[in-house]
Amino acid sequence: MQSLLKSRMILFATIFVLGLSVMGNAADPGLEAAFSMQKAFVDVARQLKLSVVNIRVERTSSAGSVWPDSDDSSPGDAEEFFKRFFQGPRFNRPEKFKIQGAGSGVVIAAEGVILTNNHVVKDATKITVKMHDEKEYDAEVIGQDPQTDLAVIKVKADASLKVAEFANSDAVEVGQWCIAVGNPLGLEQTVTVGVVSALGRSGIGAATIEDFIQTDASINPGNSGGPLVDLNGKVIGINTLIFNAPGSGIGFAIPANLASRISQQIIKNGKVQRPYLGITMQPVTDELARHFDLKNRDGAVVMQIAEGSPAARSDLRAMDIIRKIDDKTMKNTNDVQKHVLDCEIDREIRLEVLRNGKIKEVKVKLEQMPVSYGLAAAEMIPQSKLRSGTGIFEDLGFRVQQINAEMPREMNIGKDKGLVVVSVRSESPADNGGLKSGDVIVQVNGLEVIDEKNLEEALKEGNKKKSSVLLVNRAGMPMFLVVAHPEK
């Protein structure tokens, strides 16, 4: 009897404990949150499926570019090999051949208007859009904007298309969930999840105008032009590129507000009209802040001024630090870019700049940005083109040489201005400051560099602060370096 009673008590206790466990799990807030999040992802995937399209393009290319290590003008060894062993009618290559590519797009108007990246449809001879229901349509380009890498295309669909809703990307926060939708690696209607890793990313080198949303949501080839959305299914950005390699965990998207503004201009005018200054900038580094005794790193440093630009027609100079525009503090290069882009063409703006430690006001009348502005890429100067120079800057550890006609013109330094660095001594002040062989020194301590004597005089100005600020041109890209002066 006792054993039976004991067994029943154990059974009831077990049932009671199991009941509590089940009740606890049913009310577990962690599980509820997880299922709620899962439902949000599923809902977004269903919602965006109707608005995201697959884009296939065909491009025509010259025959020479198909062979490894070759171009049209100078065939490579591989092409010569194939020519030698595969001559005859069957193996004669056509003068032109087709290249296929793919990307994604998002519907922004029910009548068949689609937003994508410019690099997806650039130079396309044929564009085919595939919808969620497998229907395919030929598309035409309405307009392109290479400066932001955006383009608008249009299809003649047999029914109204589902339009994606855009969010206010200015309200996006670092750490919030985001979902990338597109056709990566040709896999249609793919959804990947991540978070917003950073905002206002620039200096990537992917476009002239950069203000990217960074995300760790997987963005692979083919995702370009597809939307990055929030948990409400609203577009916060247009996926544009990945960093380095697929799966790196670093992807970039053009903010929705910028994409929307550009696409509306293209729809209305077929092109984009925007004001510009005509400068390249870099942030104020710790080294520059210390050199100029700045209390903070607010502002943007003018590195280079484009010839014939509004800035070139003003008193603005390289090495100026833009602190304010129209009495508004500029925290960084993005602030300068956004302020200028928000202005009207032909408007005169007032810049408060720091020049050699003194505040100066500069007025610039904005003009319309040329279509080709900022799109030319420079090539690295071959070291074989450099000649040894004379050793007159041993204290700082580098030698220079006057630019001559034998050096390549792709250095983008203007009318042969500056001196070429031909050697940098290891672990010298110049080496520690980042100076490299092949750099072209354009300015030092606010003074333009013309010859070696002029450079030496400019460097002496740095003795007062025990450091010099050098504006150099490295393979077509301007940058500032701070070189410490050795104690004497």
Foldseek 3Di string as FASTA:
>chain_A
DVVVVVVVVVVVVVVVVVVVVVVCVVPPVVVVVVVVLVVLQVVLLVQQQQFKKKKKFKAKDAPQVVFPPTDDPGHDPRVVVCCVPPDDDVPDDDRIDIDMAMAMWGAAFQQFKIKFFQVRCPRTPWMWIAHSVRDIFTKDWLAHAQQLRMTMIGTRDPGTTDHAAADQLVPFDFFAKKKQFWQAPNNHGDIWIWTFHDWQDDPPPRHNDDTKTKILGFDHGRSGHTFIGHSVSHGQFGWHAAPDHGNPSITITHGRVVSVVQVVCCVVPVYDWFWDQQFDWFWQDPLNCLLLVNPDRWFIFTQDGDPPGQNVVKPDDGRWTFQDKQNHGGRTPNSVVVVRRVDDQQDKIWTFTQALNDTDIMITGIHIDDSCPPPDAFAFWDLVQDDDADPPPPQQFWGWAQDDPSTDPSLQPPPRFFIFINDGDPPGLCVVQPDDGGKGFQDKSNHGHHDPVSVVVSVVVCVVSQWMWTFIRGRNRTDITIGGGDDD
